[in-house]
N, C-alpha and C. Protein backbone atom coordinates (compact mmCIF):
# COMPACT_ATOMS: atom_id res chain seq x y z
N MET A 1 88.02 93.16 71.30
CA MET A 1 89.34 92.98 71.74
C MET A 1 90.27 93.93 70.80
N SER A 2 90.99 94.80 71.46
CA SER A 2 91.91 95.61 70.62
C SER A 2 93.10 94.81 70.36
N THR A 3 93.88 95.19 69.23
CA THR A 3 95.08 94.49 68.84
C THR A 3 96.12 95.46 68.48
N LEU A 4 97.37 95.04 68.40
CA LEU A 4 98.45 95.95 67.96
C LEU A 4 98.27 96.37 66.58
N GLN A 5 98.72 97.52 66.16
CA GLN A 5 98.56 98.04 64.82
C GLN A 5 99.82 97.91 64.15
N GLN A 6 100.88 97.62 64.68
CA GLN A 6 102.32 97.53 63.97
C GLN A 6 103.11 96.41 64.53
N LYS A 7 104.09 95.95 63.83
CA LYS A 7 105.12 94.96 64.31
C LYS A 7 105.79 95.58 65.58
N PRO A 8 105.78 94.82 66.61
CA PRO A 8 106.57 95.35 67.86
C PRO A 8 108.14 95.19 67.51
N SER A 9 108.91 96.05 68.21
CA SER A 9 110.34 95.78 68.13
C SER A 9 110.83 94.59 68.86
N THR A 10 110.13 94.43 69.99
CA THR A 10 110.48 93.13 70.74
C THR A 10 109.27 92.92 71.76
N VAL A 11 109.17 91.76 72.16
CA VAL A 11 108.35 91.26 73.16
C VAL A 11 108.90 90.72 74.32
N LEU A 12 108.84 91.38 75.56
CA LEU A 12 109.58 90.97 76.72
C LEU A 12 108.48 90.38 77.67
N PHE A 13 108.85 89.19 78.35
CA PHE A 13 107.88 88.63 79.16
C PHE A 13 108.38 88.53 80.60
N ASP A 14 107.51 88.78 81.52
CA ASP A 14 107.83 88.26 83.03
C ASP A 14 107.96 86.80 82.81
N LEU A 15 108.46 86.19 84.01
CA LEU A 15 108.74 84.63 83.81
C LEU A 15 107.56 83.93 84.66
N ASP A 16 107.67 83.95 85.85
CA ASP A 16 106.62 83.00 86.78
C ASP A 16 105.22 83.68 86.59
N GLY A 17 104.42 82.82 86.09
CA GLY A 17 102.88 83.32 85.98
C GLY A 17 102.66 83.97 84.62
N THR A 18 103.65 84.07 83.78
CA THR A 18 103.30 84.88 82.66
C THR A 18 103.76 83.97 81.37
N LEU A 19 104.96 83.52 81.40
CA LEU A 19 105.54 82.62 80.28
C LEU A 19 105.60 81.17 80.70
N ILE A 20 105.89 80.97 81.94
CA ILE A 20 105.99 79.62 82.52
C ILE A 20 105.09 79.36 83.78
N ASP A 21 104.66 78.16 83.97
CA ASP A 21 103.92 77.68 85.10
C ASP A 21 104.94 77.10 86.24
N THR A 22 105.48 77.98 86.99
CA THR A 22 106.31 77.49 88.17
C THR A 22 105.65 76.98 89.28
N ALA A 23 104.29 77.20 89.44
CA ALA A 23 103.66 77.01 90.60
C ALA A 23 103.78 75.56 91.25
N PRO A 24 103.69 74.45 90.38
CA PRO A 24 103.78 73.18 90.92
C PRO A 24 104.94 72.91 91.63
N ASP A 25 106.17 73.59 91.25
CA ASP A 25 107.37 73.35 92.07
C ASP A 25 107.40 74.06 93.29
N PHE A 26 106.86 75.24 93.32
CA PHE A 26 106.68 76.02 94.58
C PHE A 26 105.87 75.41 95.55
N ILE A 27 104.65 74.90 95.05
CA ILE A 27 103.71 74.18 95.97
C ILE A 27 104.37 72.91 96.52
N ARG A 28 105.12 72.13 95.79
CA ARG A 28 105.67 70.88 96.09
C ARG A 28 106.72 71.37 97.17
N CYS A 29 107.70 72.38 96.97
CA CYS A 29 108.65 72.54 97.91
C CYS A 29 108.13 73.15 99.22
N LEU A 30 107.14 74.01 99.11
CA LEU A 30 106.65 74.63 100.29
C LEU A 30 105.89 73.44 101.20
N ASN A 31 105.34 72.71 100.55
CA ASN A 31 104.52 71.61 101.45
C ASN A 31 105.61 70.53 101.85
N ALA A 32 106.63 70.33 101.14
CA ALA A 32 107.74 69.54 101.66
C ALA A 32 108.43 70.09 103.01
N LEU A 33 108.53 71.51 102.96
CA LEU A 33 109.21 72.03 104.13
C LEU A 33 108.10 72.06 105.23
N ARG A 34 106.96 72.24 105.07
CA ARG A 34 105.83 72.10 105.99
C ARG A 34 105.85 70.67 106.58
N GLN A 35 105.97 69.78 105.74
CA GLN A 35 106.09 68.38 106.21
C GLN A 35 107.20 68.21 107.19
N GLN A 36 108.40 68.69 106.80
CA GLN A 36 109.48 68.71 107.66
C GLN A 36 109.34 69.18 109.12
N CYS A 37 108.49 70.34 108.98
CA CYS A 37 108.23 70.97 110.34
C CYS A 37 107.08 70.43 110.95
N GLY A 38 106.62 69.18 110.59
CA GLY A 38 105.36 68.61 111.34
C GLY A 38 104.10 69.18 111.04
N LEU A 39 103.87 69.99 109.89
CA LEU A 39 102.75 70.60 109.45
C LEU A 39 101.94 69.85 108.24
N ALA A 40 100.71 70.10 108.14
CA ALA A 40 99.97 69.40 107.13
C ALA A 40 100.03 70.28 105.86
N ALA A 41 99.95 69.65 104.71
CA ALA A 41 100.02 70.36 103.44
C ALA A 41 98.96 71.33 103.27
N LEU A 42 99.29 72.54 102.65
CA LEU A 42 98.22 73.49 102.27
C LEU A 42 97.66 73.18 101.03
N PRO A 43 96.49 73.69 100.68
CA PRO A 43 95.82 73.49 99.49
C PRO A 43 96.58 74.30 98.35
N ALA A 44 96.82 73.54 97.16
CA ALA A 44 97.67 74.11 96.16
C ALA A 44 97.23 75.36 95.77
N GLU A 45 95.94 75.71 95.68
CA GLU A 45 95.47 76.88 95.07
C GLU A 45 95.79 78.08 95.96
N GLN A 46 95.88 77.79 97.31
CA GLN A 46 96.14 78.92 98.24
C GLN A 46 97.51 79.36 97.96
N ILE A 47 98.43 78.38 97.64
CA ILE A 47 99.95 78.78 97.42
C ILE A 47 100.07 79.44 96.09
N ARG A 48 99.37 78.79 95.03
CA ARG A 48 99.49 79.28 93.69
C ARG A 48 99.32 80.78 93.46
N ARG A 49 98.22 81.23 94.04
CA ARG A 49 97.88 82.71 94.02
C ARG A 49 99.01 83.62 94.23
N SER A 50 99.89 83.32 95.16
CA SER A 50 100.91 84.12 95.60
C SER A 50 102.35 83.89 95.06
N VAL A 51 102.38 82.90 93.99
CA VAL A 51 103.86 82.59 93.55
C VAL A 51 104.62 83.82 93.08
N SER A 52 103.87 84.75 92.36
CA SER A 52 104.54 86.00 91.70
C SER A 52 105.13 86.79 92.84
N ASN A 53 104.79 86.62 94.04
CA ASN A 53 105.35 87.36 95.15
C ASN A 53 106.64 86.86 95.76
N GLY A 54 107.06 85.86 95.20
CA GLY A 54 108.40 85.26 95.50
C GLY A 54 108.34 84.35 96.98
N ALA A 55 109.67 84.05 97.26
CA ALA A 55 109.88 83.27 98.39
C ALA A 55 109.48 83.79 99.80
N ARG A 56 109.58 85.17 99.83
CA ARG A 56 109.10 85.74 100.89
C ARG A 56 107.61 85.49 101.18
N ALA A 57 106.77 85.63 100.27
CA ALA A 57 105.26 85.26 100.21
C ALA A 57 105.16 83.88 100.63
N MET A 58 105.96 82.93 100.15
CA MET A 58 105.80 81.59 100.35
C MET A 58 105.92 81.19 101.83
N ILE A 59 106.93 81.98 102.43
CA ILE A 59 107.34 81.71 103.91
C ILE A 59 106.13 82.34 104.83
N GLU A 60 105.52 83.40 104.27
CA GLU A 60 104.42 83.99 104.98
C GLU A 60 103.17 83.15 104.98
N ILE A 61 102.89 82.70 103.71
CA ILE A 61 101.72 81.79 103.63
C ILE A 61 101.91 80.49 104.31
N GLY A 62 103.21 79.90 104.24
CA GLY A 62 103.39 78.60 104.78
C GLY A 62 103.55 78.64 106.25
N PHE A 63 104.12 79.65 106.83
CA PHE A 63 104.52 79.55 108.31
C PHE A 63 104.06 80.87 109.08
N GLY A 64 103.34 81.77 108.34
CA GLY A 64 102.87 83.01 109.15
C GLY A 64 104.11 83.82 109.57
N LEU A 65 105.25 83.79 108.82
CA LEU A 65 106.46 84.36 109.25
C LEU A 65 106.87 85.53 108.40
N THR A 66 107.23 86.63 108.97
CA THR A 66 107.83 87.86 108.15
C THR A 66 109.28 87.93 108.44
N PRO A 67 110.00 88.72 107.59
CA PRO A 67 111.51 88.94 107.76
C PRO A 67 111.93 89.33 109.31
N ASP A 68 110.86 89.91 110.06
CA ASP A 68 111.24 90.23 111.41
C ASP A 68 111.24 89.18 112.41
N ASP A 69 110.70 87.98 112.04
CA ASP A 69 110.46 86.92 112.93
C ASP A 69 111.76 86.06 113.04
N ARG A 70 111.82 85.36 114.29
CA ARG A 70 113.05 84.76 114.60
C ARG A 70 113.44 83.64 113.67
N ASP A 71 112.41 82.69 113.25
CA ASP A 71 112.74 81.61 112.43
C ASP A 71 112.65 81.82 110.84
N TYR A 72 112.33 83.19 110.54
CA TYR A 72 112.17 83.46 109.10
C TYR A 72 113.40 83.02 108.28
N LEU A 73 114.56 83.62 108.65
CA LEU A 73 115.69 83.27 107.81
C LEU A 73 115.95 81.93 107.54
N GLU A 74 115.91 81.02 108.50
CA GLU A 74 116.17 79.60 108.37
C GLU A 74 115.19 79.04 107.42
N ARG A 75 113.81 79.25 107.66
CA ARG A 75 112.86 78.68 106.72
C ARG A 75 113.05 79.32 105.40
N HIS A 76 113.35 80.47 105.18
CA HIS A 76 113.48 81.12 103.81
C HIS A 76 114.77 80.41 103.13
N SER A 77 115.78 80.28 103.79
CA SER A 77 116.94 79.62 103.25
C SER A 77 116.78 78.15 102.86
N THR A 78 116.12 77.47 103.81
CA THR A 78 115.76 76.04 103.43
C THR A 78 114.86 75.93 102.23
N PHE A 79 113.90 76.80 102.23
CA PHE A 79 112.88 76.74 101.08
C PHE A 79 113.58 77.02 99.79
N LEU A 80 114.45 77.84 99.85
CA LEU A 80 115.19 78.31 98.50
C LEU A 80 116.17 77.18 98.16
N ASP A 81 116.75 76.40 99.09
CA ASP A 81 117.58 75.34 98.73
C ASP A 81 116.79 74.13 98.22
N LEU A 82 115.63 73.89 98.71
CA LEU A 82 114.71 72.87 98.18
C LEU A 82 114.38 73.22 96.83
N TYR A 83 113.97 74.49 96.49
CA TYR A 83 113.53 74.89 95.12
C TYR A 83 114.68 74.80 94.23
N GLU A 84 115.96 75.19 94.55
CA GLU A 84 117.00 75.09 93.73
C GLU A 84 117.32 73.58 93.28
N ALA A 85 117.12 72.82 94.16
CA ALA A 85 117.46 71.27 94.01
C ALA A 85 116.36 70.70 92.97
N GLY A 86 115.27 71.36 92.81
CA GLY A 86 114.36 70.74 91.94
C GLY A 86 113.54 71.85 91.25
N VAL A 87 114.33 72.81 90.60
CA VAL A 87 113.78 74.01 90.06
C VAL A 87 112.87 73.81 88.89
N ALA A 88 113.01 72.58 88.23
CA ALA A 88 112.20 72.42 86.99
C ALA A 88 111.50 70.94 86.95
N GLU A 89 111.32 70.39 88.08
CA GLU A 89 110.84 69.05 88.23
C GLU A 89 109.37 69.01 87.62
N GLU A 90 108.61 70.00 87.87
CA GLU A 90 107.13 70.07 87.37
C GLU A 90 106.79 71.36 86.56
N THR A 91 107.70 72.23 86.57
CA THR A 91 107.45 73.47 85.96
C THR A 91 107.32 73.19 84.30
N VAL A 92 106.32 73.92 83.67
CA VAL A 92 106.17 73.86 82.17
C VAL A 92 105.78 75.17 81.64
N LEU A 93 105.82 75.29 80.34
CA LEU A 93 105.23 76.41 79.72
C LEU A 93 103.78 76.44 79.88
N PHE A 94 103.13 77.58 80.04
CA PHE A 94 101.71 77.53 79.90
C PHE A 94 101.23 77.09 78.56
N PRO A 95 100.22 76.33 78.52
CA PRO A 95 99.68 75.88 77.24
C PRO A 95 99.39 77.04 76.30
N GLY A 96 99.93 76.83 75.03
CA GLY A 96 99.78 77.95 74.08
C GLY A 96 101.03 78.79 73.95
N ILE A 97 101.90 78.82 74.90
CA ILE A 97 103.15 79.78 74.79
C ILE A 97 104.17 79.32 73.87
N ALA A 98 104.35 77.97 73.83
CA ALA A 98 105.30 77.34 72.90
C ALA A 98 104.84 77.75 71.41
N GLU A 99 103.61 77.81 71.20
CA GLU A 99 103.24 78.26 69.79
C GLU A 99 103.44 79.75 69.59
N LEU A 100 103.19 80.48 70.66
CA LEU A 100 103.40 81.97 70.58
C LEU A 100 104.92 82.28 70.34
N LEU A 101 105.77 81.67 70.96
CA LEU A 101 107.06 82.01 70.89
C LEU A 101 107.67 81.46 69.38
N ASP A 102 107.11 80.36 68.91
CA ASP A 102 107.36 79.87 67.58
C ASP A 102 106.95 80.92 66.53
N TRP A 103 105.72 81.58 66.84
CA TRP A 103 105.28 82.64 65.90
C TRP A 103 106.18 83.85 65.91
N LEU A 104 106.51 84.20 67.12
CA LEU A 104 107.33 85.38 67.20
C LEU A 104 108.74 85.15 66.49
N GLU A 105 109.37 83.89 66.51
CA GLU A 105 110.50 83.70 65.80
C GLU A 105 110.35 83.73 64.38
N GLN A 106 109.16 83.06 63.87
CA GLN A 106 108.92 83.15 62.46
C GLN A 106 108.76 84.57 61.93
N GLN A 107 108.20 85.45 62.72
CA GLN A 107 107.96 86.80 62.45
C GLN A 107 109.24 87.62 62.60
N GLU A 108 110.50 87.02 63.06
CA GLU A 108 111.65 87.60 63.29
C GLU A 108 111.43 88.86 64.38
N ILE A 109 110.57 88.57 65.42
CA ILE A 109 110.46 89.57 66.45
C ILE A 109 111.14 88.95 67.60
N PRO A 110 112.15 89.59 68.06
CA PRO A 110 113.08 89.20 69.14
C PRO A 110 112.27 89.17 70.44
N TRP A 111 112.44 88.16 71.30
CA TRP A 111 111.63 88.12 72.59
C TRP A 111 112.75 87.85 73.71
N GLY A 112 112.27 88.50 74.80
CA GLY A 112 113.22 88.24 75.96
C GLY A 112 112.57 88.09 77.31
N ILE A 113 113.20 87.79 78.35
CA ILE A 113 112.58 87.61 79.68
C ILE A 113 113.26 88.78 80.64
N VAL A 114 112.25 89.33 81.34
CA VAL A 114 112.78 90.30 82.37
C VAL A 114 112.01 89.84 83.66
N THR A 115 112.75 89.33 84.69
CA THR A 115 112.12 88.82 85.79
C THR A 115 112.79 89.30 87.06
N ASN A 116 112.10 89.29 88.24
CA ASN A 116 112.72 89.56 89.49
C ASN A 116 113.18 88.28 90.18
N LYS A 117 113.25 87.22 89.47
CA LYS A 117 113.66 85.90 89.95
C LYS A 117 115.18 85.85 89.79
N PRO A 118 115.91 85.67 90.85
CA PRO A 118 117.37 85.70 90.82
C PRO A 118 117.99 84.71 89.68
N GLU A 119 119.08 85.13 89.24
CA GLU A 119 119.77 84.21 88.23
C GLU A 119 120.05 82.91 88.78
N ARG A 120 120.25 82.70 90.01
CA ARG A 120 120.52 81.40 90.60
C ARG A 120 119.35 80.53 90.29
N PHE A 121 118.14 80.83 90.06
CA PHE A 121 117.05 79.95 89.75
C PHE A 121 116.70 80.03 88.32
N THR A 122 116.82 81.23 87.73
CA THR A 122 116.33 81.42 86.38
C THR A 122 117.18 80.66 85.42
N ALA A 123 118.57 80.76 85.48
CA ALA A 123 119.39 80.20 84.58
C ALA A 123 119.14 78.70 84.30
N PRO A 124 119.21 77.87 85.46
CA PRO A 124 119.05 76.44 85.34
C PRO A 124 117.55 76.12 84.74
N LEU A 125 116.58 76.98 85.35
CA LEU A 125 115.18 76.72 84.80
C LEU A 125 115.01 76.94 83.43
N LEU A 126 115.56 77.99 82.76
CA LEU A 126 115.45 78.20 81.35
C LEU A 126 116.23 77.20 80.45
N ALA A 127 117.38 76.71 81.14
CA ALA A 127 118.11 75.77 80.48
C ALA A 127 117.38 74.38 80.49
N ALA A 128 116.68 74.08 81.41
CA ALA A 128 115.90 72.78 81.56
C ALA A 128 114.80 72.81 80.51
N LEU A 129 114.16 73.98 80.30
CA LEU A 129 113.04 74.24 79.40
C LEU A 129 113.61 74.52 77.96
N ALA A 130 114.93 74.49 77.75
CA ALA A 130 115.58 74.76 76.45
C ALA A 130 115.12 76.10 75.86
N LEU A 131 114.89 77.08 76.78
CA LEU A 131 114.55 78.52 76.48
C LEU A 131 115.84 79.43 76.41
N ASP A 132 116.90 79.00 77.16
CA ASP A 132 117.93 79.90 77.21
C ASP A 132 118.62 80.26 75.97
N SER A 133 118.70 79.39 74.97
CA SER A 133 119.32 79.70 73.84
C SER A 133 118.50 80.37 72.69
N ARG A 134 117.21 80.54 73.08
CA ARG A 134 116.20 81.03 72.15
C ARG A 134 115.88 82.52 72.31
N CYS A 135 115.92 82.92 73.65
CA CYS A 135 115.50 84.27 73.95
C CYS A 135 116.71 85.20 73.68
N ALA A 136 116.25 86.41 73.22
CA ALA A 136 117.41 87.32 72.85
C ALA A 136 117.95 88.13 74.06
N ALA A 137 117.23 88.07 75.19
CA ALA A 137 117.87 88.60 76.47
C ALA A 137 117.04 87.98 77.61
N ILE A 138 117.94 87.90 78.73
CA ILE A 138 117.48 87.40 80.08
C ILE A 138 118.03 88.29 81.02
N ILE A 139 117.16 89.07 81.66
CA ILE A 139 117.37 89.98 82.72
C ILE A 139 116.94 89.62 84.14
N CYS A 140 117.73 89.52 84.97
CA CYS A 140 117.41 89.00 86.37
C CYS A 140 117.85 90.34 87.40
N PRO A 141 117.44 90.24 88.56
CA PRO A 141 117.78 91.34 89.47
C PRO A 141 119.39 91.48 89.57
N ASP A 142 120.03 90.35 89.38
CA ASP A 142 121.46 90.36 89.53
C ASP A 142 122.21 91.24 88.47
N HIS A 143 121.45 91.59 87.52
CA HIS A 143 122.01 92.31 86.38
C HIS A 143 121.77 93.87 86.39
N VAL A 144 121.00 94.28 87.43
CA VAL A 144 120.56 95.74 87.42
C VAL A 144 120.69 96.14 88.90
N SER A 145 120.77 97.58 89.15
CA SER A 145 120.81 97.99 90.49
C SER A 145 119.39 98.10 91.05
N GLN A 146 118.35 98.19 90.24
CA GLN A 146 116.98 98.41 90.74
C GLN A 146 115.96 97.45 90.16
N ARG A 147 115.15 96.70 90.93
CA ARG A 147 114.33 95.79 90.33
C ARG A 147 112.94 96.50 89.87
N LYS A 148 112.22 95.77 89.23
CA LYS A 148 110.84 96.19 88.81
C LYS A 148 110.05 96.61 90.15
N PRO A 149 109.36 97.71 90.00
CA PRO A 149 108.82 98.40 88.85
C PRO A 149 109.58 99.36 88.29
N HIS A 150 110.99 99.63 88.76
CA HIS A 150 111.83 100.53 88.11
C HIS A 150 112.18 100.00 86.74
N PRO A 151 112.25 100.85 85.64
CA PRO A 151 112.34 100.33 84.28
C PRO A 151 113.75 99.98 83.96
N GLU A 152 114.68 99.99 84.83
CA GLU A 152 116.02 99.63 84.42
C GLU A 152 116.25 98.37 83.86
N SER A 153 115.63 97.25 84.28
CA SER A 153 115.82 96.00 83.66
C SER A 153 115.11 95.84 82.31
N LEU A 154 113.96 96.51 82.04
CA LEU A 154 113.39 96.46 80.73
C LEU A 154 114.21 97.20 79.74
N LEU A 155 114.74 98.37 80.13
CA LEU A 155 115.65 99.24 79.27
C LEU A 155 116.87 98.42 78.93
N LEU A 156 117.39 97.81 79.95
CA LEU A 156 118.61 96.83 79.58
C LEU A 156 118.36 95.89 78.49
N ALA A 157 117.23 95.24 78.66
CA ALA A 157 116.89 94.13 77.79
C ALA A 157 116.64 94.71 76.27
N CYS A 158 115.97 95.92 76.25
CA CYS A 158 115.84 96.42 74.99
C CYS A 158 117.16 96.79 74.36
N LYS A 159 118.15 97.42 75.15
CA LYS A 159 119.42 97.84 74.74
C LYS A 159 120.14 96.52 74.27
N GLN A 160 120.18 95.36 75.01
CA GLN A 160 120.72 94.23 74.59
C GLN A 160 120.24 93.70 73.23
N ILE A 161 118.94 93.90 73.08
CA ILE A 161 118.29 93.39 71.89
C ILE A 161 118.59 94.17 70.60
N GLY A 162 118.75 95.57 70.95
CA GLY A 162 118.77 96.56 69.91
C GLY A 162 117.38 97.06 69.46
N ALA A 163 116.40 97.05 70.48
CA ALA A 163 114.94 97.31 70.14
C ALA A 163 114.67 98.70 70.79
N ASP A 164 113.70 99.43 70.04
CA ASP A 164 113.25 100.83 70.59
C ASP A 164 112.03 100.37 71.58
N PRO A 165 112.25 100.88 72.96
CA PRO A 165 111.20 100.52 74.01
C PRO A 165 109.87 101.08 73.45
N ALA A 166 109.88 102.22 72.85
CA ALA A 166 108.53 102.85 72.45
C ALA A 166 107.80 102.00 71.60
N SER A 167 108.49 100.97 70.81
CA SER A 167 107.51 100.17 70.06
C SER A 167 107.74 98.70 70.53
N GLY A 168 108.04 98.55 71.80
CA GLY A 168 108.23 97.11 72.47
C GLY A 168 106.98 96.90 73.22
N ILE A 169 106.91 95.79 73.73
CA ILE A 169 105.80 95.20 74.53
C ILE A 169 106.30 94.59 75.81
N TYR A 170 105.70 94.79 76.94
CA TYR A 170 106.07 94.01 78.09
C TYR A 170 104.84 93.27 78.61
N VAL A 171 104.92 92.02 78.89
CA VAL A 171 103.88 91.29 79.40
C VAL A 171 104.06 90.69 80.73
N GLY A 172 103.04 90.87 81.69
CA GLY A 172 103.33 90.49 82.96
C GLY A 172 101.97 90.22 83.67
N ASP A 173 102.19 89.48 84.85
CA ASP A 173 101.02 89.11 85.68
C ASP A 173 100.81 89.81 87.02
N HIS A 174 101.67 90.84 87.18
CA HIS A 174 101.72 91.68 88.47
C HIS A 174 101.66 93.04 88.23
N ARG A 175 101.08 93.86 89.13
CA ARG A 175 101.10 95.37 88.93
C ARG A 175 102.40 95.93 88.66
N ARG A 176 103.47 95.32 89.39
CA ARG A 176 104.77 95.94 89.16
C ARG A 176 105.25 95.83 87.79
N ASP A 177 104.85 94.69 87.05
CA ASP A 177 105.29 94.57 85.63
C ASP A 177 104.71 95.62 84.90
N ILE A 178 103.39 95.91 85.21
CA ILE A 178 102.79 96.90 84.26
C ILE A 178 103.34 98.40 84.53
N GLU A 179 103.69 98.62 85.84
CA GLU A 179 104.26 99.88 86.12
C GLU A 179 105.61 99.88 85.43
N ALA A 180 106.47 98.85 85.52
CA ALA A 180 107.77 98.85 84.96
C ALA A 180 107.51 99.03 83.40
N GLY A 181 106.69 98.38 82.81
CA GLY A 181 106.51 98.73 81.48
C GLY A 181 106.26 100.18 81.08
N HIS A 182 105.28 100.74 81.85
CA HIS A 182 104.91 102.13 81.64
C HIS A 182 106.15 102.97 81.83
N ASN A 183 106.90 102.65 82.90
CA ASN A 183 108.10 103.52 83.27
C ASN A 183 109.17 103.52 82.22
N ALA A 184 109.22 102.32 81.52
CA ALA A 184 110.14 102.14 80.40
C ALA A 184 109.67 102.78 79.10
N GLY A 185 108.27 103.15 79.13
CA GLY A 185 107.74 103.67 77.81
C GLY A 185 107.46 102.67 76.85
N MET A 186 107.10 101.52 77.31
CA MET A 186 106.68 100.22 76.50
C MET A 186 105.25 100.23 76.46
N LYS A 187 104.63 99.49 75.50
CA LYS A 187 103.14 99.07 75.72
C LYS A 187 103.27 97.94 76.62
N THR A 188 102.03 97.76 77.37
CA THR A 188 101.93 96.67 78.44
C THR A 188 100.69 95.73 78.12
N ILE A 189 100.90 94.60 78.43
CA ILE A 189 99.89 93.62 78.39
C ILE A 189 99.74 92.83 79.72
N ALA A 190 98.59 92.97 80.43
CA ALA A 190 98.56 92.21 81.74
C ALA A 190 97.75 90.99 81.47
N VAL A 191 98.29 89.81 82.00
CA VAL A 191 97.66 88.53 81.83
C VAL A 191 96.99 88.14 83.07
N ARG A 192 95.56 87.82 82.91
CA ARG A 192 94.81 87.58 84.07
C ARG A 192 94.94 86.09 84.40
N TYR A 193 95.41 85.28 83.50
CA TYR A 193 95.68 83.78 83.82
C TYR A 193 96.72 83.58 84.75
N GLY A 194 97.65 84.63 85.11
CA GLY A 194 98.73 84.40 86.06
C GLY A 194 98.39 84.24 87.49
N TYR A 195 99.43 84.43 88.37
CA TYR A 195 99.31 84.10 89.69
C TYR A 195 98.82 85.40 90.50
N ILE A 196 97.66 85.67 90.41
CA ILE A 196 97.03 86.89 90.93
C ILE A 196 96.00 86.57 92.03
N GLU A 197 96.13 87.18 93.12
CA GLU A 197 95.30 86.87 94.34
C GLU A 197 93.89 87.36 94.04
N HIS A 198 93.68 88.67 93.36
CA HIS A 198 92.34 89.11 93.16
C HIS A 198 92.37 89.53 91.63
N PRO A 199 91.91 88.56 90.79
CA PRO A 199 91.97 88.98 89.37
C PRO A 199 91.19 90.02 88.99
N GLU A 200 90.29 90.51 89.73
CA GLU A 200 89.38 91.69 89.35
C GLU A 200 90.25 92.86 89.37
N GLU A 201 91.34 92.89 90.20
CA GLU A 201 92.19 94.02 90.34
C GLU A 201 92.96 94.40 89.07
N VAL A 202 93.07 93.37 88.20
CA VAL A 202 93.94 93.60 86.98
C VAL A 202 93.36 94.89 86.12
N ASP A 203 92.10 95.08 86.24
CA ASP A 203 91.39 96.20 85.54
C ASP A 203 91.86 97.50 86.08
N GLN A 204 92.48 97.47 87.27
CA GLN A 204 92.89 98.81 87.78
C GLN A 204 94.36 98.96 87.56
N TRP A 205 95.05 98.19 86.88
CA TRP A 205 96.41 98.27 86.66
C TRP A 205 96.83 99.31 85.55
N GLN A 206 95.85 99.71 84.73
CA GLN A 206 96.10 100.54 83.69
C GLN A 206 96.92 100.00 82.63
N ALA A 207 96.95 98.72 82.40
CA ALA A 207 97.64 97.98 81.26
C ALA A 207 96.99 98.63 80.01
N ASP A 208 97.87 98.63 78.75
CA ASP A 208 97.22 98.94 77.70
C ASP A 208 96.35 97.91 77.06
N LEU A 209 96.61 96.68 77.38
CA LEU A 209 95.72 95.62 76.89
C LEU A 209 95.69 94.45 78.10
N ILE A 210 94.53 93.81 78.15
CA ILE A 210 94.50 92.67 79.10
C ILE A 210 94.23 91.39 78.38
N ALA A 211 94.91 90.28 78.65
CA ALA A 211 94.63 89.03 78.04
C ALA A 211 94.16 88.08 79.14
N GLU A 212 92.96 87.53 78.90
CA GLU A 212 92.34 86.55 79.86
C GLU A 212 93.02 85.28 79.78
N THR A 213 93.56 84.83 78.69
CA THR A 213 94.10 83.53 78.31
C THR A 213 95.26 83.62 77.52
N VAL A 214 96.13 82.60 77.34
CA VAL A 214 97.21 82.74 76.39
C VAL A 214 96.74 82.97 74.98
N ARG A 215 95.63 82.32 74.75
CA ARG A 215 95.05 82.54 73.38
C ARG A 215 94.80 84.02 73.17
N ASP A 216 94.21 84.78 74.06
CA ASP A 216 94.06 86.13 73.94
C ASP A 216 95.28 86.85 73.86
N LEU A 217 96.33 86.35 74.51
CA LEU A 217 97.61 87.07 74.54
C LEU A 217 98.17 86.97 73.10
N THR A 218 98.09 85.83 72.46
CA THR A 218 98.60 85.62 71.12
C THR A 218 97.87 86.43 70.21
N ASN A 219 96.55 86.44 70.32
CA ASN A 219 95.68 87.40 69.45
C ASN A 219 96.02 88.85 69.50
N LEU A 220 96.37 89.26 70.78
CA LEU A 220 96.69 90.61 70.98
C LEU A 220 98.11 90.91 70.52
N ILE A 221 98.97 90.15 70.46
CA ILE A 221 100.45 90.36 69.99
C ILE A 221 100.54 90.28 68.45
N GLN A 222 99.56 89.47 67.80
CA GLN A 222 99.64 89.19 66.35
C GLN A 222 99.01 90.48 65.72
N TYR A 223 99.89 91.50 65.49
CA TYR A 223 99.56 92.81 65.06
C TYR A 223 98.72 92.73 63.66
N ARG A 224 98.03 93.71 63.47
CA ARG A 224 97.11 93.70 62.23
C ARG A 224 97.63 94.87 61.29
């Protein structure tokens, strides 16, 4: 396993499926909505694999609806309201992430969050997990004109932190995260433990490094 050879200027994380396990709340909300509609609950793993694809994917999985379908907007809106009402009921840090963040802070390496999750959900979620006061930057789609994989959000985070992107790291569990990192000129780490429909495809994303587990991620970031 390769490791970094120098201290990074910053470590930026995607949120869902990388830093925190939000799947339990997505699963709970989607199945609650299905129950409201007289439908049986879906298997948790079926939902979990697509959490990183956002609410649109949840509605497609839960009801077979796309944005062009008549009932899509109503289901989408109701789902988001359910999620907002209980955004952190079951969400937790992935095991080992707390220790990784502690280590970064001990090493005086600023870390931040760059996510496609709207601020409406991100802010209360990070507050509930007591992360909002610890991270050096929190960038949501609300703060930029273009979402990942465009590099704007990563470059904004680096600017806020005062970090050189060329010596920074972006960690994510989706192809768009790796593309965004490359587009920003950062080193990238893909995490295979995230919400990935086909984990074998991670090898095709051209990430600089791949972490199978949080322990692997920690080992990769702890430069030699």
